C-alpha atoms as a PDB file:
ATOM      1  CA  MET A   1       8.657   3.901  21.081  1.00  0.00           C
ATOM      2  CA  ASN A   2       6.787   1.931  23.528  1.00  0.00           C
ATOM      3  CA  LYS A   3       3.417   1.007  23.903  1.00  0.00           C
ATOM      4  CA  LYS A   4       2.672   3.783  25.979  1.00  0.00           C
ATOM      5  CA  GLU A   5       4.861   6.362  24.023  1.00  0.00           C
ATOM      6  CA  LYS A   6       2.933   5.100  20.930  1.00  0.00           C
ATOM      7  CA  ILE A   7      -0.562   5.944  22.519  1.00  0.00           C
ATOM      8  CA  GLU A   8       0.696   9.439  23.205  1.00  0.00           C
ATOM      9  CA  TYR A   9       2.179   9.944  19.871  1.00  0.00           C
ATOM     10  CA  GLY A  10      -1.089   8.761  18.620  1.00  0.00           C
ATOM     11  CA  ARG A  11      -3.131  11.494  20.282  1.00  0.00           C
ATOM     12  CA  TYR A  12      -0.768  14.193  19.388  1.00  0.00           C
ATOM     13  CA  VAL A  13      -1.269  13.293  15.857  1.00  0.00           C
ATOM     14  CA  ILE A  14      -5.149  13.740  16.218  1.00  0.00           C
ATOM     15  CA  GLU A  15      -4.709  16.945  18.202  1.00  0.00           C
ATOM     16  CA  GLU A  16      -2.116  18.445  15.443  1.00  0.00           C
ATOM     17  CA  ILE A  17      -4.347  17.041  12.370  1.00  0.00           C
ATOM     18  CA  THR A  18      -7.671  18.468  13.960  1.00  0.00           C
ATOM     19  CA  SER A  19      -6.708  21.542  14.869  1.00  0.00           C
ATOM     20  CA  LYS A  20      -4.301  22.481  12.010  1.00  0.00           C
ATOM     21  CA  PHE A  21      -5.811  20.487   9.128  1.00  0.00           C
ATOM     22  CA  LEU A  22      -9.577  19.582   9.934  1.00  0.00           C
ATOM     23  CA  LYS A  23      -9.776  23.037  11.413  1.00  0.00           C
ATOM     24  CA  LYS A  24     -12.056  22.115  14.235  1.00  0.00           C
ATOM     25  CA  ASP A  25     -14.654  24.095  15.338  1.00  0.00           C
ATOM     26  CA  SER A  26     -14.333  26.235  12.389  1.00  0.00           C
ATOM     27  CA  PRO A  27     -16.900  26.860   9.692  1.00  0.00           C
ATOM     28  CA  TYR A  28     -16.570  25.142   6.284  1.00  0.00           C
ATOM     29  CA  PHE A  29     -18.219  26.500   3.069  1.00  0.00           C
ATOM     30  CA  PHE A  30     -18.404  24.094   0.195  1.00  0.00           C
ATOM     31  CA  LEU A  31     -18.889  25.548  -3.753  1.00  0.00           C
ATOM     32  CA  SER A  32     -20.636  23.758  -6.103  1.00  0.00           C
ATOM     33  CA  GLY A  33     -18.129  21.169  -7.757  1.00  0.00           C
ATOM     34  CA  TYR A  34     -16.435  20.519  -4.497  1.00  0.00           C
ATOM     35  CA  GLU A  35     -19.004  18.237  -2.790  1.00  0.00           C
ATOM     36  CA  TYR A  36     -16.770  15.446  -2.905  1.00  0.00           C
ATOM     37  CA  LEU A  37     -14.339  17.088  -0.710  1.00  0.00           C
ATOM     38  CA  ARG A  38     -17.058  17.740   1.989  1.00  0.00           C
ATOM     39  CA  GLU A  39     -17.452  13.852   2.218  1.00  0.00           C
ATOM     40  CA  VAL A  40     -13.728  13.570   2.363  1.00  0.00           C
ATOM     41  CA  ILE A  41     -13.343  15.673   4.947  1.00  0.00           C
ATOM     42  CA  THR A  42     -15.865  14.613   6.782  1.00  0.00           C
ATOM     43  CA  LEU A  43     -15.138  10.934   6.858  1.00  0.00           C
ATOM     44  CA  TYR A  44     -11.579  11.831   7.878  1.00  0.00           C
ATOM     45  CA  GLY A  45     -12.917  13.769  10.910  1.00  0.00           C
ATOM     46  CA  LYS A  46     -14.731  10.200  11.902  1.00  0.00           C
ATOM     47  CA  GLN A  47     -11.701   8.743  11.016  1.00  0.00           C
ATOM     48  CA  SER A  48     -10.057  10.632  13.907  1.00  0.00           C
ATOM     49  CA  ASN A  49     -12.693   9.691  16.418  1.00  0.00           C
ATOM     50  CA  LEU A  50     -12.252   6.156  15.563  1.00  0.00           C
ATOM     51  CA  LEU A  51      -8.223   6.192  16.018  1.00  0.00           C
ATOM     52  CA  GLU A  52      -8.925   7.907  19.487  1.00  0.00           C
ATOM     53  CA  SER A  53     -11.677   5.427  20.533  1.00  0.00           C
ATOM     54  CA  THR A  54      -8.875   2.775  19.294  1.00  0.00           C
ATOM     55  CA  LEU A  55      -6.210   4.335  21.427  1.00  0.00           C
ATOM     56  CA  LEU A  56      -8.287   4.120  24.276  1.00  0.00           C
ATOM     57  CA  LEU A  57      -9.526   0.213  23.555  1.00  0.00           C
ATOM     58  CA  LEU A  58      -5.555  -0.614  23.521  1.00  0.00           C
ATOM     59  CA  GLU A  59      -4.687   1.428  26.355  1.00  0.00           C
ATOM     60  CA  ASN A  60      -7.130  -0.871  28.578  1.00  0.00           C
ATOM     61  CA  ASN A  61      -5.683  -4.089  26.886  1.00  0.00           C
ATOM     62  CA  HIS A  62      -8.526  -4.529  24.367  1.00  0.00           C
ATOM     63  CA  ALA A  63      -6.619  -5.474  21.287  1.00  0.00           C
ATOM     64  CA  GLU A  64      -9.165  -7.967  19.757  1.00  0.00           C
ATOM     65  CA  GLU A  65     -11.891  -5.305  20.324  1.00  0.00           C
ATOM     66  CA  ALA A  66      -9.777  -2.349  18.745  1.00  0.00           C
ATOM     67  CA  TYR A  67      -9.566  -4.421  15.544  1.00  0.00           C
ATOM     68  CA  LEU A  68     -12.931  -3.685  14.885  1.00  0.00           C
ATOM     69  CA  LEU A  69     -12.479  -0.077  14.897  1.00  0.00           C
ATOM     70  CA  LEU A  70      -9.331  -0.637  12.850  1.00  0.00           C
ATOM     71  CA  ARG A  71     -11.480  -2.088   9.953  1.00  0.00           C
ATOM     72  CA  SER A  72     -13.426   1.314  10.310  1.00  0.00           C
ATOM     73  CA  ILE A  73     -10.492   3.189  10.123  1.00  0.00           C
ATOM     74  CA  LEU A  74      -9.724   1.129   6.955  1.00  0.00           C
ATOM     75  CA  ASN A  75     -12.894   1.258   5.500  1.00  0.00           C
ATOM     76  CA  ASN A  76     -12.536   5.162   5.854  1.00  0.00           C
ATOM     77  CA  LYS A  77      -9.363   5.277   4.312  1.00  0.00           C
ATOM     78  CA  MET A  78     -10.629   3.356   1.136  1.00  0.00           C
ATOM     79  CA  LEU A  79     -13.773   5.545   0.949  1.00  0.00           C
ATOM     80  CA  ILE A  80     -11.532   8.886   1.060  1.00  0.00           C
ATOM     81  CA  GLU A  81      -9.087   7.529  -1.797  1.00  0.00           C
ATOM     82  CA  TYR A  82     -12.158   5.903  -3.552  1.00  0.00           C
ATOM     83  CA  LEU A  83     -13.846   9.383  -3.938  1.00  0.00           C
ATOM     84  CA  CYS A  84     -10.651  11.321  -4.445  1.00  0.00           C
ATOM     85  CA  ASN A  85      -9.592   9.183  -7.671  1.00  0.00           C
ATOM     86  CA  ASP A  86     -13.287  10.246  -9.128  1.00  0.00           C
ATOM     87  CA  ASP A  87     -13.558  10.364 -12.991  1.00  0.00           C
ATOM     88  CA  GLU A  88     -14.880  13.340 -15.052  1.00  0.00           C
ATOM     89  CA  ASP A  89     -18.799  12.074 -14.554  1.00  0.00           C
ATOM     90  CA  ARG A  90     -18.064  12.083 -10.797  1.00  0.00           C
ATOM     91  CA  SER A  91     -19.489   8.421 -10.821  1.00  0.00           C
ATOM     92  CA  ARG A  92     -17.839   7.630  -7.708  1.00  0.00           C
ATOM     93  CA  TYR A  93     -19.060  10.435  -5.763  1.00  0.00           C
ATOM     94  CA  LYS A  94     -22.679   9.587  -7.345  1.00  0.00           C
ATOM     95  CA  GLU A  95     -22.545   5.812  -6.069  1.00  0.00           C
ATOM     96  CA  TYR A  96     -21.344   6.931  -2.945  1.00  0.00           C
ATOM     97  CA  MET A  97     -24.119   9.653  -2.213  1.00  0.00           C
ATOM     98  CA  ILE A  98     -26.856   7.060  -3.654  1.00  0.00           C
ATOM     99  CA  GLN A  99     -25.676   4.281  -1.142  1.00  0.00           C
ATOM    100  CA  PRO A 100     -28.944   5.253   1.676  1.00  0.00           C
ATOM    101  CA  GLU A 101     -31.220   5.057  -1.160  1.00  0.00           C
ATOM    102  CA  LYS A 102     -29.909   1.746  -1.995  1.00  0.00           C
ATOM    103  CA  SER A 103     -29.710   0.424   1.759  1.00  0.00           C
ATOM    104  CA  ARG A 104     -33.581   1.592   2.006  1.00  0.00           C
ATOM    105  CA  ILE A 105     -34.708  -0.948  -0.642  1.00  0.00           C
ATOM    106  CA  SER A 106     -32.427  -3.821   0.619  1.00  0.00           C
ATOM    107  CA  PHE A 107     -34.269  -2.973   4.325  1.00  0.00           C
ATOM    108  CA  LEU A 108     -37.662  -3.062   2.563  1.00  0.00           C
ATOM    109  CA  LYS A 109     -36.920  -6.446   0.771  1.00  0.00           C
ATOM    110  CA  ASP A 110     -35.732  -7.757   4.201  1.00  0.00           C
ATOM    111  CA  ILE A 111     -39.367  -6.767   5.917  1.00  0.00           C
ATOM    112  CA  LYS A 112     -41.174  -8.534   2.402  1.00  0.00           C
ATOM    113  CA  ARG A 113     -39.036 -11.486   3.339  1.00  0.00           C
ATOM    114  CA  ALA A 114     -40.249 -11.720   7.184  1.00  0.00           C
ATOM    115  CA  VAL A 115     -43.717 -10.530   5.786  1.00  0.00           C
ATOM    116  CA  ASP A 116     -43.908 -14.025   3.581  1.00  0.00           C
ATOM    117  CA  GLU A 117     -42.352 -16.017   5.875  1.00  0.00           C
ATOM    118  CA  GLY A 118     -44.859 -15.079   8.420  1.00  0.00           C
ATOM    119  CA  TRP A 119     -42.293 -13.501  11.028  1.00  0.00           C
ATOM    120  CA  MET A 120     -44.209  -9.968  10.774  1.00  0.00           C
ATOM    121  CA  ASP A 121     -47.798  -9.052  10.630  1.00  0.00           C
ATOM    122  CA  LYS A 122     -49.078  -7.676   7.228  1.00  0.00           C
ATOM    123  CA  LYS A 123     -50.927  -4.791   8.656  1.00  0.00           C
ATOM    124  CA  GLY A 124     -49.891  -1.598   7.276  1.00  0.00           C
ATOM    125  CA  LEU A 125     -47.384  -3.474   4.756  1.00  0.00           C
ATOM    126  CA  GLU A 126     -49.846  -4.094   2.348  1.00  0.00           C
ATOM    127  CA  ASN A 127     -47.960  -1.898  -0.309  1.00  0.00           C
ATOM    128  CA  LEU A 128     -44.540  -2.972   0.199  1.00  0.00           C
ATOM    129  CA  ASP A 129     -44.014  -4.303  -3.080  1.00  0.00           C
ATOM    130  CA  GLU A 130     -45.607  -0.817  -4.490  1.00  0.00           C
ATOM    131  CA  LYS A 131     -43.280   0.812  -2.253  1.00  0.00           C
ATOM    132  CA  ILE A 132     -40.082  -1.052  -3.346  1.00  0.00           C
ATOM    133  CA  GLU A 133     -40.717  -0.620  -7.144  1.00  0.00           C
ATOM    134  CA  GLU A 134     -41.286   3.036  -6.771  1.00  0.00           C
ATOM    135  CA  TYR A 135     -37.597   3.160  -5.042  1.00  0.00           C
ATOM    136  CA  GLU A 136     -36.095   1.036  -7.899  1.00  0.00           C
ATOM    137  CA  GLN A 137     -37.843   3.250 -10.280  1.00  0.00           C
ATOM    138  CA  ALA A 138     -36.087   6.255  -8.872  1.00  0.00           C
ATOM    139  CA  LEU A 139     -33.027   4.374  -8.962  1.00  0.00           C
ATOM    140  CA  ILE A 140     -33.379   3.860 -12.364  1.00  0.00           C
ATOM    141  CA  ASP A 141     -34.384   7.544 -13.469  1.00  0.00           C
ATOM    142  CA  LYS A 142     -31.046   8.573 -11.746  1.00  0.00           C
ATOM    143  CA  GLY A 143     -29.064   6.469 -13.785  1.00  0.00           C
ATOM    144  CA  PHE A 144     -28.434   3.526 -11.550  1.00  0.00           C
ATOM    145  CA  LYS A 145     -29.454   0.703 -13.736  1.00  0.00           C
ATOM    146  CA  LYS A 146     -28.859  -2.560 -15.650  1.00  0.00           C
ATOM    147  CA  THR A 147     -30.197  -4.381 -18.738  1.00  0.00           C
ATOM    148  CA  GLN A 148     -30.272  -8.006 -19.582  1.00  0.00           C
ATOM    149  CA  ARG A 149     -31.184  -9.286 -23.088  1.00  0.00           C
ATOM    150  CA  LYS A 150     -33.979 -11.986 -22.308  1.00  0.00           C
ATOM    151  CA  ARG A 151     -36.044 -13.707 -25.116  1.00  0.00           C
ATOM    152  CA  ASN A 152     -35.070 -10.901 -27.636  1.00  0.00           C
ATOM    153  CA  LYS A 153     -36.217  -8.290 -25.546  1.00  0.00           C
ATOM    154  CA  THR A 154     -33.908  -6.065 -23.480  1.00  0.00           C
ATOM    155  CA  ILE A 155     -35.044  -5.469 -20.162  1.00  0.00           C
ATOM    156  CA  THR A 156     -33.872  -2.786 -17.825  1.00  0.00           C
ATOM    157  CA  TYR A 157     -33.716  -2.902 -13.813  1.00  0.00           C
ATOM    158  CA  ALA A 158     -32.542  -1.148 -10.958  1.00  0.00           C
ATOM    159  CA  ASP A 159     -28.903  -1.452 -10.175  1.00  0.00           C
ATOM    160  CA  THR A 160     -29.546  -1.860  -6.029  1.00  0.00           C
ATOM    161  CA  ARG A 161     -25.895  -3.405  -5.417  1.00  0.00           C
ATOM    162  CA  THR A 162     -24.633  -1.354  -2.395  1.00  0.00           C
ATOM    163  CA  LEU A 163     -20.958  -0.180  -2.405  1.00  0.00           C
ATOM    164  CA  SER A 164     -18.829  -2.642  -0.594  1.00  0.00           C
ATOM    165  CA  ILE A 165     -15.057  -3.025   0.770  1.00  0.00           C
ATOM    166  CA  ARG A 166     -14.317  -5.596  -1.652  1.00  0.00           C
ATOM    167  CA  LYS A 167     -15.561  -3.538  -4.612  1.00  0.00           C
ATOM    168  CA  MET A 168     -13.210  -0.306  -3.253  1.00  0.00           C
ATOM    169  CA  ALA A 169     -10.275  -2.530  -2.726  1.00  0.00           C
ATOM    170  CA  LEU A 170     -10.280  -3.646  -6.482  1.00  0.00           C
ATOM    171  CA  THR A 171     -10.074  -0.631  -7.937  1.00  0.00           C
ATOM    172  CA  ASP A 172      -6.018  -0.176  -7.063  1.00  0.00           C
ATOM    173  CA  GLU A 173      -3.286  -2.134  -5.948  1.00  0.00           C
ATOM    174  CA  LEU A 174      -2.693  -0.326  -2.214  1.00  0.00           C
ATOM    175  CA  SER A 175      -6.304  -0.530  -1.288  1.00  0.00           C
ATOM    176  CA  PHE A 176      -6.060  -4.315  -2.622  1.00  0.00           C
ATOM    177  CA  GLY A 177      -2.900  -5.007  -0.055  1.00  0.00           C
ATOM    178  CA  THR A 178      -4.792  -3.131   2.731  1.00  0.00           C
ATOM    179  CA  TYR A 179      -7.784  -5.342   2.374  1.00  0.00           C
ATOM    180  CA  MET A 180      -6.005  -8.381   1.954  1.00  0.00           C
ATOM    181  CA  THR A 181      -3.456  -7.747   4.595  1.00  0.00           C
ATOM    182  CA  PHE A 182      -5.581  -6.367   7.773  1.00  0.00           C
ATOM    183  CA  TYR A 183      -9.127  -5.978   6.639  1.00  0.00           C
ATOM    184  CA  ARG A 184     -10.086  -9.568   5.865  1.00  0.00           C
ATOM    185  CA  ASP A 185      -7.736 -10.771   8.851  1.00  0.00           C
ATOM    186  CA  GLY A 186      -9.930  -8.544  11.049  1.00  0.00           C
ATOM    187  CA  SER A 187     -13.283 -10.627  10.379  1.00  0.00           C
ATOM    188  CA  LYS A 188     -12.775 -13.057  12.930  1.00  0.00           C
ATOM    189  CA  TYR A 189     -12.930 -10.455  15.536  1.00  0.00           C
ATOM    190  CA  GLU A 190     -15.819  -8.768  14.271  1.00  0.00           C
ATOM    191  CA  HIS A 191     -17.639 -11.806  13.789  1.00  0.00           C
ATOM    192  CA  SER A 192     -16.629 -13.630  16.920  1.00  0.00           C
ATOM    193  CA  ASP A 193     -14.778 -16.521  15.209  1.00  0.00           C
ATOM    194  CA  PHE A 194     -14.184 -19.420  17.855  1.00  0.00           C
ATOM    195  CA  SER A 195     -10.482 -19.186  17.340  1.00  0.00           C
ATOM    196  CA  ALA A 196     -10.373 -15.318  18.018  1.00  0.00           C
ATOM    197  CA  LEU A 197     -11.921 -15.837  21.791  1.00  0.00           C
ATOM    198  CA  ASN A 198      -9.530 -18.528  22.748  1.00  0.00           C
ATOM    199  CA  ILE A 199      -7.330 -15.579  24.523  1.00  0.00           C
ATOM    200  CA  TYR A 200      -9.819 -15.035  27.318  1.00  0.00           C
ATOM    201  CA  ARG A 201     -10.012 -18.376  28.461  1.00  0.00           C
ATOM    202  CA  GLN A 202      -7.054 -18.940  31.131  1.00  0.00           C
ATOM    203  CA  PRO A 203      -6.157 -22.664  31.541  1.00  0.00           C
ATOM    204  CA  VAL A 204      -6.575 -24.198  35.178  1.00  0.00           C
ATOM    205  CA  HIS A 205      -3.780 -26.404  34.821  1.00  0.00           C
ATOM    206  CA  SER A 206      -1.217 -26.666  32.436  1.00  0.00           C
ATOM    207  CA  ASP A 207      -2.086 -30.719  31.456  1.00  0.00           C
ATOM    208  CA  VAL A 208      -5.763 -29.581  31.058  1.00  0.00           C
ATOM    209  CA  PRO A 209      -6.644 -28.023  27.656  1.00  0.00           C
ATOM    210  CA  ASN A 210      -8.800 -24.562  27.873  1.00  0.00           C
ATOM    211  CA  THR A 211     -11.398 -26.230  26.146  1.00  0.00           C
ATOM    212  CA  GLN A 212     -12.375 -28.382  28.834  1.00  0.00           C
ATOM    213  CA  ALA A 213     -11.226 -26.651  31.944  1.00  0.00           C
ATOM    214  CA  PHE A 214     -10.808 -22.350  32.160  1.00  0.00           C
ATOM    215  CA  VAL A 215     -10.977 -19.242  34.025  1.00  0.00           C
ATOM    216  CA  LEU A 216     -12.983 -16.365  31.951  1.00  0.00           C
ATOM    217  CA  ASP A 217     -10.345 -13.483  32.043  1.00  0.00           C
ATOM    218  CA  LEU A 218     -11.611 -10.920  30.073  1.00  0.00           C
ATOM    219  CA  SER A 219      -8.546  -8.848  30.667  1.00  0.00           C
ATOM    220  CA  ARG A 220      -5.838 -10.696  28.432  1.00  0.00           C
ATOM    221  CA  THR A 221      -4.991  -9.737  25.043  1.00  0.00           C
ATOM    222  CA  ASP A 222      -2.944 -10.783  22.212  1.00  0.00           C
ATOM    223  CA  THR A 223      -0.022  -8.459  22.582  1.00  0.00           C
ATOM    224  CA  GLU A 224       1.273  -9.277  19.107  1.00  0.00           C
ATOM    225  CA  LEU A 225      -1.836  -8.349  17.543  1.00  0.00           C
ATOM    226  CA  GLU A 226      -1.863  -5.233  19.995  1.00  0.00           C
ATOM    227  CA  GLY A 227       1.553  -3.683  18.392  1.00  0.00           C
ATOM    228  CA  LYS A 228      -0.096  -4.715  15.075  1.00  0.00           C
ATOM    229  CA  VAL A 229      -3.154  -2.598  15.679  1.00  0.00           C
ATOM    230  CA  LEU A 230      -1.271   0.220  17.103  1.00  0.00           C
ATOM    231  CA  ASN A 231       0.748   0.765  14.633  1.00  0.00           C
ATOM    232  CA  THR A 232      -1.587   0.063  11.849  1.00  0.00           C
ATOM    233  CA  ALA A 233      -4.130   2.671  13.428  1.00  0.00           C
ATOM    234  CA  ILE A 234      -1.366   5.437  13.671  1.00  0.00           C
ATOM    235  CA  THR A 235       0.005   4.583  10.055  1.00  0.00           C
ATOM    236  CA  MET A 236      -3.290   4.433   8.411  1.00  0.00           C
ATOM    237  CA  TYR A 237      -4.553   7.704  10.188  1.00  0.00           C
ATOM    238  CA  SER A 238      -1.339   9.719   9.044  1.00  0.00           C
ATOM    239  CA  LEU A 239      -1.139   8.082   5.503  1.00  0.00           C
ATOM    240  CA  THR A 240      -4.927   9.129   5.156  1.00  0.00           C
ATOM    241  CA  PHE A 241      -3.674  12.782   5.869  1.00  0.00           C
ATOM    242  CA  THR A 242      -0.841  12.725   3.838  1.00  0.00           C
ATOM    243  CA  PHE A 243      -3.079  11.489   0.892  1.00  0.00           C
ATOM    244  CA  ILE A 244      -6.082  13.876   1.321  1.00  0.00           C
ATOM    245  CA  PHE A 245      -3.123  16.859   1.668  1.00  0.00           C
ATOM    246  CA  ARG A 246      -1.217  15.672  -1.208  1.00  0.00           C
ATOM    247  CA  HIS A 247      -4.470  15.259  -3.486  1.00  0.00           C
ATOM    248  CA  MET A 248      -5.718  18.950  -2.255  1.00  0.00           C
ATOM    249  CA  LEU A 249      -2.054  20.245  -2.993  1.00  0.00           C
ATOM    250  CA  ASN A 250      -2.480  18.967  -6.555  1.00  0.00           C
ATOM    251  CA  ASN A 251      -5.721  19.772  -7.410  1.00  0.00           C
ATOM    252  CA  HIS A 252      -7.042  22.705  -5.111  1.00  0.00           C
ATOM    253  CA  LYS A 253      -4.089  24.708  -3.866  1.00  0.00           C
ATOM    254  CA  HIS A 254      -6.200  27.609  -3.808  1.00  0.00           C
ATOM    255  CA  LEU A 255      -8.201  26.165  -1.081  1.00  0.00           C
ATOM    256  CA  PHE A 256      -5.299  26.771   1.369  1.00  0.00           C
ATOM    257  CA  GLN A 257      -4.141  30.177   2.834  1.00  0.00           C
ATOM    258  CA  GLN A 258      -0.854  30.427   2.046  1.00  0.00           C
ATOM    259  CA  GLU A 259       0.169  31.216   5.700  1.00  0.00           C
ATOM    260  CA  GLU A 260      -1.470  27.825   6.232  1.00  0.00           C
ATOM    261  CA  LEU A 261       1.167  25.399   4.278  1.00  0.00           C
ATOM    262  CA  PRO A 262       4.403  25.570   6.187  1.00  0.00           C
ATOM    263  CA  ALA A 263       2.989  24.080   9.427  1.00  0.00           C
ATOM    264  CA  LEU A 264       1.200  21.584   7.331  1.00  0.00           C
ATOM    265  CA  VAL A 265       4.228  20.730   5.403  1.00  0.00           C
ATOM    266  CA  ALA A 266       6.253  20.430   8.635  1.00  0.00           C
ATOM    267  CA  LEU A 267       3.549  18.201  10.037  1.00  0.00           C
ATOM    268  CA  ALA A 268       3.858  15.976   7.350  1.00  0.00           C
ATOM    269  CA  GLN A 269       7.659  15.900   7.494  1.00  0.00           C
ATOM    270  CA  HIS A 270       7.253  15.112  11.231  1.00  0.00           C
ATOM    271  CA  PHE A 271       4.778  11.900  10.631  1.00  0.00           C
ATOM    272  CA  ALA A 272       7.670  10.892   7.531  1.00  0.00           C
ATOM    273  CA  ASP A 273      10.588  11.171  10.446  1.00  0.00           C
ATOM    274  CA  ASN A 274       8.317   9.108  12.818  1.00  0.00           C
ATOM    275  CA  ASP A 275       7.571   6.540  10.159  1.00  0.00           C
ATOM    276  CA  LYS A 276      10.582   4.023  11.705  1.00  0.00           C
ATOM    277  CA  TYR A 277       8.734   3.664  14.673  1.00  0.00           C
ATOM    278  CA  PHE A 278       5.795   2.121  13.160  1.00  0.00           C
ATOM    279  CA  MET A 279       5.367  -0.802  10.741  1.00  0.00           C
ATOM    280  CA  ASN A 280       4.876   1.003   7.499  1.00  0.00           C
ATOM    281  CA  SER A 281       7.445   3.711   5.765  1.00  0.00           C
ATOM    282  CA  SER A 282       6.057   6.007   3.586  1.00  0.00           C
ATOM    283  CA  THR A 283       8.637   8.673   3.510  1.00  0.00           C
ATOM    284  CA  PRO A 284       8.641   9.034  -0.436  1.00  0.00           C
ATOM    285  CA  GLU A 285       4.552   9.821  -0.289  1.00  0.00           C
ATOM    286  CA  LYS A 286       5.211  12.629   2.516  1.00  0.00           C
ATOM    287  CA  MET A 287       8.520  14.144   1.176  1.00  0.00           C
ATOM    288  CA  SER A 288       6.503  14.697  -1.895  1.00  0.00           C
ATOM    289  CA  ILE A 289       4.306  17.162  -0.358  1.00  0.00           C
ATOM    290  CA  SER A 290       7.129  19.438   0.425  1.00  0.00           C
ATOM    291  CA  GLU A 291       7.981  19.495  -3.286  1.00  0.00           C
ATOM    292  CA  GLY A 292       4.389  19.818  -4.120  1.00  0.00           C
ATOM    293  CA  ALA A 293       3.717  23.124  -1.871  1.00  0.00           C
ATOM    294  CA  GLN A 294       6.736  24.727  -2.763  1.00  0.00           C
ATOM    295  CA  GLN A 295       5.572  25.122  -6.573  1.00  0.00           C
END
């Protein structure tokens, strides 16, 4: 497949998955005990939008900018795997759902620092310390706490650490490999490392380095990076489908209508057959879906 064909294939994959698996425009009903699947399905729906946006950027030769969205696709993939591999206490689901409250505490602490530094007016923020303590106590009451032994006394305080990509990556070998291979490498594009900006500087003369004289050409892109982002984005999207589908077959097969399964299995097999055009081969994983559906 060339670039154009891969982009067209990527859009075909999105349409097939959103219509047949995500059931676009159809209502969802989640009973107690299946809340984590609600989050998984929503995250994957977001991943569909991320891939669609990535393809649009690549179509316009913006591979460096597309890498930012690829990082989000990888982030969602790891979040989905993190939630699906939860324990009996649903600690991962609880950790995921408490993130907004932890982020709120972090935000308030940033405001407190700005007030202490004199960067913000204290007016209306006099009770900031009390508000932070109130939110931290709420975390403790919900079980998000840590203890420390100090002077023969046990001190309990709120665990305000937010869920990080690095933390999720260290939960299993595949996630760690994804993190090391693609996610960390994309940091220079997200944070505009000077080495990632060199592509935009077209040399004026072959004898003069583009650090001294250049023409700014924002239409240029790294073609090798472009291929890497395109292959990885489509592969990760189809791999995530494979993972969720297999997880549901193994744990919640009753959620599928029997007449739905042949089309979904065929879709998974179709992805497996096209793996050779992309950078990763996941055929063993996808072939196992057919086996699970037939049981």
